[in-house]
Amino acid sequence: MDIKPVEALDLWRGAIVESVRRDGPDLSARQMALLLTVYITKPPHTVRGLADALKVSKPAVTRAVDRLSDYGLVKRKVDETDRRSVLIQRTVRGSVFLREFGELICQAAAECRVPEDAPDPNAPNGSGSGA
């Protein structure tokens, strides 16, 4: 699939717009990145490991995990092999949320039709004219 930057942005916009119209959690980019990391990469996941993977601070990961836990999208569990460590785990609700979000992205891809005269987002003032 060969996609131009403006098409990628429209695809992302379409998925995000549909996501915010639904009755579900409105996740920040950091929360979504953390959630995707927990679900797509191999476990186990700890706050320290997620902070390293995302290149953000442990307090930032902790805040994101707090919110995702409040939504029921991840859960914390004490690591049985090292009781000082807490694992961040997947939940059924989180799996359903991401499956549905993936479907939104597929739907947005099918509907992605950037007009020929769409402004170039890289141009000054988004005008595409360079003026």
N, C-alpha and C. Protein backbone atom coordinates (compact mmCIF):
# COMPACT_ATOMS: atom_id res chain seq x y z
N MET A 1 0.85 -1.17 0.00
CA MET A 1 0.00 0.00 0.00
C MET A 1 0.89 1.24 0.00
N ASP A 2 0.75 2.04 -1.01
CA ASP A 2 1.50 3.29 -1.10
C ASP A 2 0.55 4.42 -0.74
N ILE A 3 0.87 5.14 0.31
CA ILE A 3 -0.02 6.18 0.81
C ILE A 3 0.77 7.47 1.03
N LYS A 4 0.19 8.56 0.61
CA LYS A 4 0.81 9.87 0.78
C LYS A 4 0.55 10.38 2.19
N PRO A 5 1.41 11.29 2.68
CA PRO A 5 1.21 11.81 4.04
C PRO A 5 -0.19 12.41 4.26
N VAL A 6 -0.69 13.15 3.31
CA VAL A 6 -2.02 13.76 3.49
C VAL A 6 -3.10 12.67 3.54
N GLU A 7 -2.90 11.57 2.80
CA GLU A 7 -3.85 10.47 2.85
C GLU A 7 -3.78 9.76 4.20
N ALA A 8 -2.57 9.59 4.72
CA ALA A 8 -2.40 8.97 6.04
C ALA A 8 -3.08 9.82 7.11
N LEU A 9 -2.92 11.13 7.01
CA LEU A 9 -3.56 12.02 7.98
C LEU A 9 -5.08 11.95 7.88
N ASP A 10 -5.60 11.87 6.65
CA ASP A 10 -7.05 11.77 6.49
C ASP A 10 -7.57 10.44 7.02
N LEU A 11 -6.80 9.39 6.82
CA LEU A 11 -7.16 8.08 7.36
C LEU A 11 -7.23 8.15 8.88
N TRP A 12 -6.20 8.71 9.49
CA TRP A 12 -6.17 8.85 10.95
C TRP A 12 -7.32 9.73 11.43
N ARG A 13 -7.56 10.84 10.72
CA ARG A 13 -8.65 11.75 11.07
C ARG A 13 -9.98 11.02 11.03
N GLY A 14 -10.21 10.25 9.97
CA GLY A 14 -11.47 9.52 9.85
C GLY A 14 -11.70 8.56 11.01
N ALA A 15 -10.66 7.84 11.39
CA ALA A 15 -10.78 6.89 12.50
C ALA A 15 -11.00 7.62 13.82
N ILE A 16 -10.27 8.71 14.04
CA ILE A 16 -10.42 9.46 15.29
C ILE A 16 -11.80 10.11 15.39
N VAL A 17 -12.26 10.70 14.29
CA VAL A 17 -13.58 11.35 14.30
C VAL A 17 -14.66 10.33 14.65
N GLU A 18 -14.61 9.17 14.02
CA GLU A 18 -15.61 8.14 14.33
C GLU A 18 -15.47 7.65 15.77
N SER A 19 -14.24 7.56 16.25
CA SER A 19 -14.00 7.12 17.62
C SER A 19 -14.63 8.07 18.65
N VAL A 20 -14.47 9.37 18.43
CA VAL A 20 -15.01 10.32 19.42
C VAL A 20 -16.53 10.42 19.35
N ARG A 21 -17.11 9.96 18.26
CA ARG A 21 -18.58 9.95 18.14
C ARG A 21 -19.21 8.81 18.93
N ARG A 22 -18.43 7.83 19.23
CA ARG A 22 -18.94 6.64 19.93
C ARG A 22 -18.93 6.85 21.43
N ASP A 23 -19.69 6.03 22.10
CA ASP A 23 -19.77 6.10 23.55
C ASP A 23 -18.68 5.22 24.15
N GLY A 24 -17.48 5.76 24.22
CA GLY A 24 -16.35 5.01 24.76
C GLY A 24 -15.31 5.97 25.28
N PRO A 25 -14.23 5.43 25.81
CA PRO A 25 -13.19 6.30 26.35
C PRO A 25 -12.52 7.13 25.27
N ASP A 26 -12.22 8.37 25.60
CA ASP A 26 -11.52 9.28 24.70
C ASP A 26 -10.06 9.29 25.16
N LEU A 27 -9.23 8.48 24.52
CA LEU A 27 -7.85 8.30 24.97
C LEU A 27 -6.91 9.34 24.37
N SER A 28 -5.94 9.74 25.18
CA SER A 28 -4.88 10.62 24.68
C SER A 28 -3.95 9.78 23.80
N ALA A 29 -3.09 10.46 23.06
CA ALA A 29 -2.11 9.76 22.22
C ALA A 29 -1.21 8.87 23.08
N ARG A 30 -0.80 9.36 24.24
CA ARG A 30 0.06 8.57 25.12
C ARG A 30 -0.67 7.33 25.63
N GLN A 31 -1.93 7.50 26.03
CA GLN A 31 -2.70 6.36 26.51
C GLN A 31 -2.89 5.32 25.40
N MET A 32 -3.17 5.79 24.19
CA MET A 32 -3.36 4.86 23.07
C MET A 32 -2.05 4.15 22.74
N ALA A 33 -0.94 4.87 22.76
CA ALA A 33 0.36 4.25 22.49
C ALA A 33 0.67 3.18 23.52
N LEU A 34 0.39 3.47 24.78
CA LEU A 34 0.63 2.50 25.84
C LEU A 34 -0.28 1.29 25.67
N LEU A 35 -1.55 1.54 25.40
CA LEU A 35 -2.50 0.44 25.23
C LEU A 35 -2.10 -0.45 24.06
N LEU A 36 -1.74 0.14 22.94
CA LEU A 36 -1.31 -0.65 21.79
C LEU A 36 -0.04 -1.44 22.09
N THR A 37 0.87 -0.84 22.84
CA THR A 37 2.11 -1.53 23.20
C THR A 37 1.81 -2.76 24.06
N VAL A 38 0.91 -2.62 25.02
CA VAL A 38 0.54 -3.74 25.89
C VAL A 38 -0.11 -4.86 25.08
N TYR A 39 -0.92 -4.50 24.10
CA TYR A 39 -1.67 -5.51 23.35
C TYR A 39 -0.91 -6.10 22.17
N ILE A 40 0.02 -5.35 21.59
CA ILE A 40 0.67 -5.81 20.36
C ILE A 40 2.04 -6.42 20.62
N THR A 41 2.71 -5.98 21.68
CA THR A 41 4.04 -6.53 21.95
C THR A 41 3.95 -7.65 22.99
N LYS A 42 4.97 -8.47 22.99
CA LYS A 42 4.99 -9.65 23.85
C LYS A 42 5.08 -9.25 25.33
N PRO A 43 4.21 -9.84 26.18
CA PRO A 43 4.31 -9.60 27.62
C PRO A 43 5.50 -10.34 28.19
N PRO A 44 5.89 -10.10 29.42
CA PRO A 44 5.20 -9.27 30.41
C PRO A 44 5.51 -7.79 30.23
N HIS A 45 4.62 -6.96 30.78
CA HIS A 45 4.78 -5.50 30.72
C HIS A 45 4.80 -4.95 32.14
N THR A 46 5.79 -4.12 32.40
CA THR A 46 5.89 -3.40 33.67
C THR A 46 5.93 -1.91 33.36
N VAL A 47 5.72 -1.09 34.37
CA VAL A 47 5.81 0.36 34.18
C VAL A 47 7.19 0.72 33.66
N ARG A 48 8.21 0.16 34.27
CA ARG A 48 9.59 0.47 33.83
C ARG A 48 9.80 0.06 32.37
N GLY A 49 9.36 -1.14 32.01
CA GLY A 49 9.53 -1.61 30.65
C GLY A 49 8.75 -0.78 29.64
N LEU A 50 7.53 -0.39 30.01
CA LEU A 50 6.72 0.45 29.12
C LEU A 50 7.34 1.84 28.97
N ALA A 51 7.87 2.38 30.07
CA ALA A 51 8.54 3.68 30.00
C ALA A 51 9.74 3.61 29.06
N ASP A 52 10.51 2.55 29.16
CA ASP A 52 11.66 2.37 28.26
C ASP A 52 11.21 2.23 26.81
N ALA A 53 10.18 1.42 26.57
CA ALA A 53 9.71 1.16 25.22
C ALA A 53 9.16 2.43 24.56
N LEU A 54 8.46 3.25 25.36
CA LEU A 54 7.83 4.46 24.82
C LEU A 54 8.72 5.69 24.93
N LYS A 55 9.84 5.55 25.64
CA LYS A 55 10.76 6.69 25.86
C LYS A 55 10.06 7.86 26.55
N VAL A 56 9.30 7.51 27.60
CA VAL A 56 8.65 8.51 28.45
C VAL A 56 8.95 8.17 29.90
N SER A 57 8.64 9.08 30.79
CA SER A 57 8.95 8.87 32.21
C SER A 57 8.03 7.82 32.83
N LYS A 58 8.52 7.21 33.91
CA LYS A 58 7.69 6.25 34.65
C LYS A 58 6.44 6.91 35.23
N PRO A 59 6.53 8.15 35.76
CA PRO A 59 5.29 8.78 36.24
C PRO A 59 4.26 8.99 35.13
N ALA A 60 4.72 9.29 33.91
CA ALA A 60 3.79 9.46 32.79
C ALA A 60 3.11 8.13 32.46
N VAL A 61 3.87 7.05 32.50
CA VAL A 61 3.29 5.73 32.24
C VAL A 61 2.31 5.37 33.36
N THR A 62 2.69 5.66 34.59
CA THR A 62 1.81 5.36 35.72
C THR A 62 0.48 6.09 35.58
N ARG A 63 0.51 7.36 35.20
CA ARG A 63 -0.73 8.13 35.00
C ARG A 63 -1.58 7.51 33.88
N ALA A 64 -0.93 7.13 32.79
CA ALA A 64 -1.66 6.51 31.68
C ALA A 64 -2.26 5.17 32.10
N VAL A 65 -1.50 4.37 32.83
CA VAL A 65 -2.01 3.08 33.31
C VAL A 65 -3.17 3.31 34.27
N ASP A 66 -3.06 4.32 35.13
CA ASP A 66 -4.17 4.64 36.04
C ASP A 66 -5.46 4.87 35.26
N ARG A 67 -5.37 5.70 34.23
CA ARG A 67 -6.56 6.03 33.44
C ARG A 67 -7.07 4.81 32.66
N LEU A 68 -6.16 4.07 32.05
CA LEU A 68 -6.57 2.88 31.31
C LEU A 68 -7.18 1.84 32.24
N SER A 69 -6.67 1.76 33.46
CA SER A 69 -7.26 0.85 34.46
C SER A 69 -8.65 1.31 34.85
N ASP A 70 -8.81 2.62 35.02
CA ASP A 70 -10.14 3.17 35.33
C ASP A 70 -11.16 2.79 34.26
N TYR A 71 -10.73 2.78 33.01
CA TYR A 71 -11.60 2.42 31.89
C TYR A 71 -11.76 0.91 31.74
N GLY A 72 -10.96 0.13 32.47
CA GLY A 72 -11.02 -1.32 32.37
C GLY A 72 -10.30 -1.88 31.16
N LEU A 73 -9.42 -1.08 30.55
CA LEU A 73 -8.73 -1.50 29.34
C LEU A 73 -7.44 -2.28 29.63
N VAL A 74 -6.87 -2.09 30.81
CA VAL A 74 -5.74 -2.87 31.31
C VAL A 74 -5.97 -3.12 32.79
N LYS A 75 -5.18 -4.04 33.34
CA LYS A 75 -5.25 -4.26 34.79
C LYS A 75 -3.84 -4.46 35.32
N ARG A 76 -3.70 -4.16 36.60
CA ARG A 76 -2.44 -4.39 37.29
C ARG A 76 -2.53 -5.71 38.03
N LYS A 77 -1.39 -6.43 38.06
CA LYS A 77 -1.33 -7.68 38.81
C LYS A 77 0.07 -7.80 39.40
N VAL A 78 0.15 -8.18 40.64
CA VAL A 78 1.44 -8.38 41.29
C VAL A 78 2.14 -9.56 40.61
N ASP A 79 3.39 -9.37 40.27
CA ASP A 79 4.21 -10.41 39.65
C ASP A 79 4.49 -11.48 40.70
N GLU A 80 4.03 -12.69 40.43
CA GLU A 80 4.21 -13.79 41.39
C GLU A 80 5.67 -14.17 41.58
N THR A 81 6.52 -13.91 40.58
CA THR A 81 7.93 -14.26 40.69
C THR A 81 8.74 -13.17 41.39
N ASP A 82 8.23 -11.94 41.40
CA ASP A 82 8.89 -10.82 42.07
C ASP A 82 7.80 -9.91 42.61
N ARG A 83 7.41 -10.14 43.84
CA ARG A 83 6.26 -9.46 44.43
C ARG A 83 6.44 -7.95 44.53
N ARG A 84 7.65 -7.44 44.30
CA ARG A 84 7.87 -5.99 44.29
C ARG A 84 7.44 -5.37 42.98
N SER A 85 7.29 -6.21 41.96
CA SER A 85 6.97 -5.75 40.62
C SER A 85 5.48 -5.92 40.31
N VAL A 86 4.95 -4.98 39.55
CA VAL A 86 3.55 -5.03 39.14
C VAL A 86 3.50 -5.17 37.63
N LEU A 87 2.73 -6.14 37.16
CA LEU A 87 2.57 -6.37 35.72
C LEU A 87 1.34 -5.63 35.21
N ILE A 88 1.45 -5.11 34.02
CA ILE A 88 0.33 -4.46 33.35
C ILE A 88 -0.20 -5.48 32.34
N GLN A 89 -1.47 -5.86 32.50
CA GLN A 89 -2.02 -6.94 31.70
C GLN A 89 -3.22 -6.50 30.87
N ARG A 90 -3.50 -7.28 29.85
CA ARG A 90 -4.64 -7.05 28.98
C ARG A 90 -5.94 -7.43 29.69
N THR A 91 -7.04 -6.88 29.18
CA THR A 91 -8.37 -7.26 29.67
C THR A 91 -9.25 -7.56 28.45
N VAL A 92 -10.35 -8.21 28.68
CA VAL A 92 -11.30 -8.48 27.61
C VAL A 92 -11.83 -7.16 27.06
N ARG A 93 -12.15 -6.23 27.95
CA ARG A 93 -12.67 -4.94 27.50
C ARG A 93 -11.66 -4.20 26.63
N GLY A 94 -10.39 -4.27 27.00
CA GLY A 94 -9.34 -3.64 26.19
C GLY A 94 -9.21 -4.30 24.83
N SER A 95 -9.31 -5.62 24.79
CA SER A 95 -9.25 -6.35 23.52
C SER A 95 -10.40 -5.95 22.60
N VAL A 96 -11.58 -5.85 23.16
CA VAL A 96 -12.76 -5.45 22.38
C VAL A 96 -12.58 -4.02 21.88
N PHE A 97 -12.13 -3.12 22.76
CA PHE A 97 -11.92 -1.72 22.38
C PHE A 97 -10.97 -1.62 21.19
N LEU A 98 -9.83 -2.32 21.26
CA LEU A 98 -8.85 -2.23 20.18
C LEU A 98 -9.33 -2.92 18.90
N ARG A 99 -10.05 -4.02 19.03
CA ARG A 99 -10.61 -4.66 17.83
C ARG A 99 -11.56 -3.69 17.13
N GLU A 100 -12.43 -3.04 17.91
CA GLU A 100 -13.36 -2.09 17.33
C GLU A 100 -12.63 -0.87 16.75
N PHE A 101 -11.57 -0.43 17.40
CA PHE A 101 -10.80 0.69 16.88
C PHE A 101 -10.11 0.29 15.57
N GLY A 102 -9.60 -0.92 15.51
CA GLY A 102 -9.02 -1.43 14.28
C GLY A 102 -10.04 -1.45 13.15
N GLU A 103 -11.28 -1.82 13.48
CA GLU A 103 -12.35 -1.81 12.49
C GLU A 103 -12.63 -0.38 12.01
N LEU A 104 -12.55 0.60 12.93
CA LEU A 104 -12.73 2.00 12.54
C LEU A 104 -11.66 2.44 11.57
N ILE A 105 -10.43 1.99 11.80
CA ILE A 105 -9.33 2.35 10.89
C ILE A 105 -9.57 1.72 9.52
N CYS A 106 -10.00 0.47 9.48
CA CYS A 106 -10.29 -0.19 8.20
C CYS A 106 -11.42 0.54 7.47
N GLN A 107 -12.45 0.93 8.22
CA GLN A 107 -13.57 1.67 7.63
C GLN A 107 -13.08 3.01 7.09
N ALA A 108 -12.25 3.70 7.86
CA ALA A 108 -11.71 4.99 7.42
C ALA A 108 -10.85 4.81 6.17
N ALA A 109 -10.11 3.72 6.09
CA ALA A 109 -9.27 3.46 4.92
C ALA A 109 -10.13 3.27 3.68
N ALA A 110 -11.24 2.58 3.85
CA ALA A 110 -12.14 2.34 2.73
C ALA A 110 -12.79 3.63 2.25
N GLU A 111 -12.97 4.58 3.18
CA GLU A 111 -13.65 5.84 2.85
C GLU A 111 -12.68 6.98 2.57
N CYS A 112 -11.39 6.74 2.71
CA CYS A 112 -10.39 7.80 2.58
C CYS A 112 -10.33 8.29 1.13
N ARG A 113 -10.78 9.49 0.93
CA ARG A 113 -10.77 10.11 -0.39
C ARG A 113 -10.32 11.55 -0.23
N VAL A 114 -9.02 11.78 -0.30
CA VAL A 114 -8.49 13.12 -0.15
C VAL A 114 -8.70 13.86 -1.47
N PRO A 115 -9.38 15.01 -1.44
CA PRO A 115 -9.58 15.77 -2.68
C PRO A 115 -8.25 16.20 -3.28
N GLU A 116 -8.21 16.27 -4.61
CA GLU A 116 -6.99 16.68 -5.31
C GLU A 116 -6.50 18.05 -4.87
N ASP A 117 -7.44 18.94 -4.51
CA ASP A 117 -7.07 20.30 -4.14
C ASP A 117 -6.89 20.46 -2.63
N ALA A 118 -6.78 19.34 -1.90
CA ALA A 118 -6.58 19.42 -0.45
C ALA A 118 -5.26 20.13 -0.15
N PRO A 119 -5.25 20.99 0.87
CA PRO A 119 -4.00 21.67 1.21
C PRO A 119 -2.95 20.69 1.70
N ASP A 120 -1.71 21.02 1.39
CA ASP A 120 -0.57 20.22 1.83
C ASP A 120 -0.31 20.58 3.29
N PRO A 121 -0.41 19.60 4.23
CA PRO A 121 -0.22 19.92 5.66
C PRO A 121 1.22 20.34 5.96
N ASN A 122 2.16 20.10 5.04
CA ASN A 122 3.54 20.49 5.26
C ASN A 122 3.86 21.89 4.75
N ALA A 123 2.93 22.46 4.01
CA ALA A 123 3.14 23.80 3.47
C ALA A 123 2.89 24.84 4.56
N PRO A 124 3.55 25.99 4.49
CA PRO A 124 3.28 27.05 5.47
C PRO A 124 1.79 27.40 5.46
N ASN A 125 1.22 27.54 6.65
CA ASN A 125 -0.20 27.84 6.82
C ASN A 125 -1.12 26.79 6.21
N GLY A 126 -0.56 25.62 5.86
CA GLY A 126 -1.37 24.54 5.30
C GLY A 126 -1.97 24.87 3.95
N SER A 127 -1.47 25.92 3.27
CA SER A 127 -2.07 26.37 2.03
C SER A 127 -1.63 25.59 0.81
N GLY A 128 -0.48 24.98 0.89
CA GLY A 128 0.02 24.23 -0.25
C GLY A 128 0.66 25.12 -1.31
N SER A 129 0.52 26.44 -1.16
CA SER A 129 1.06 27.33 -2.17
C SER A 129 2.46 27.84 -1.83
N GLY A 130 2.86 27.62 -0.59
CA GLY A 130 4.18 28.10 -0.16
C GLY A 130 4.20 29.58 0.11
N ALA A 131 3.04 30.24 0.00
CA ALA A 131 2.95 31.69 0.23
C ALA A 131 2.67 31.99 1.67
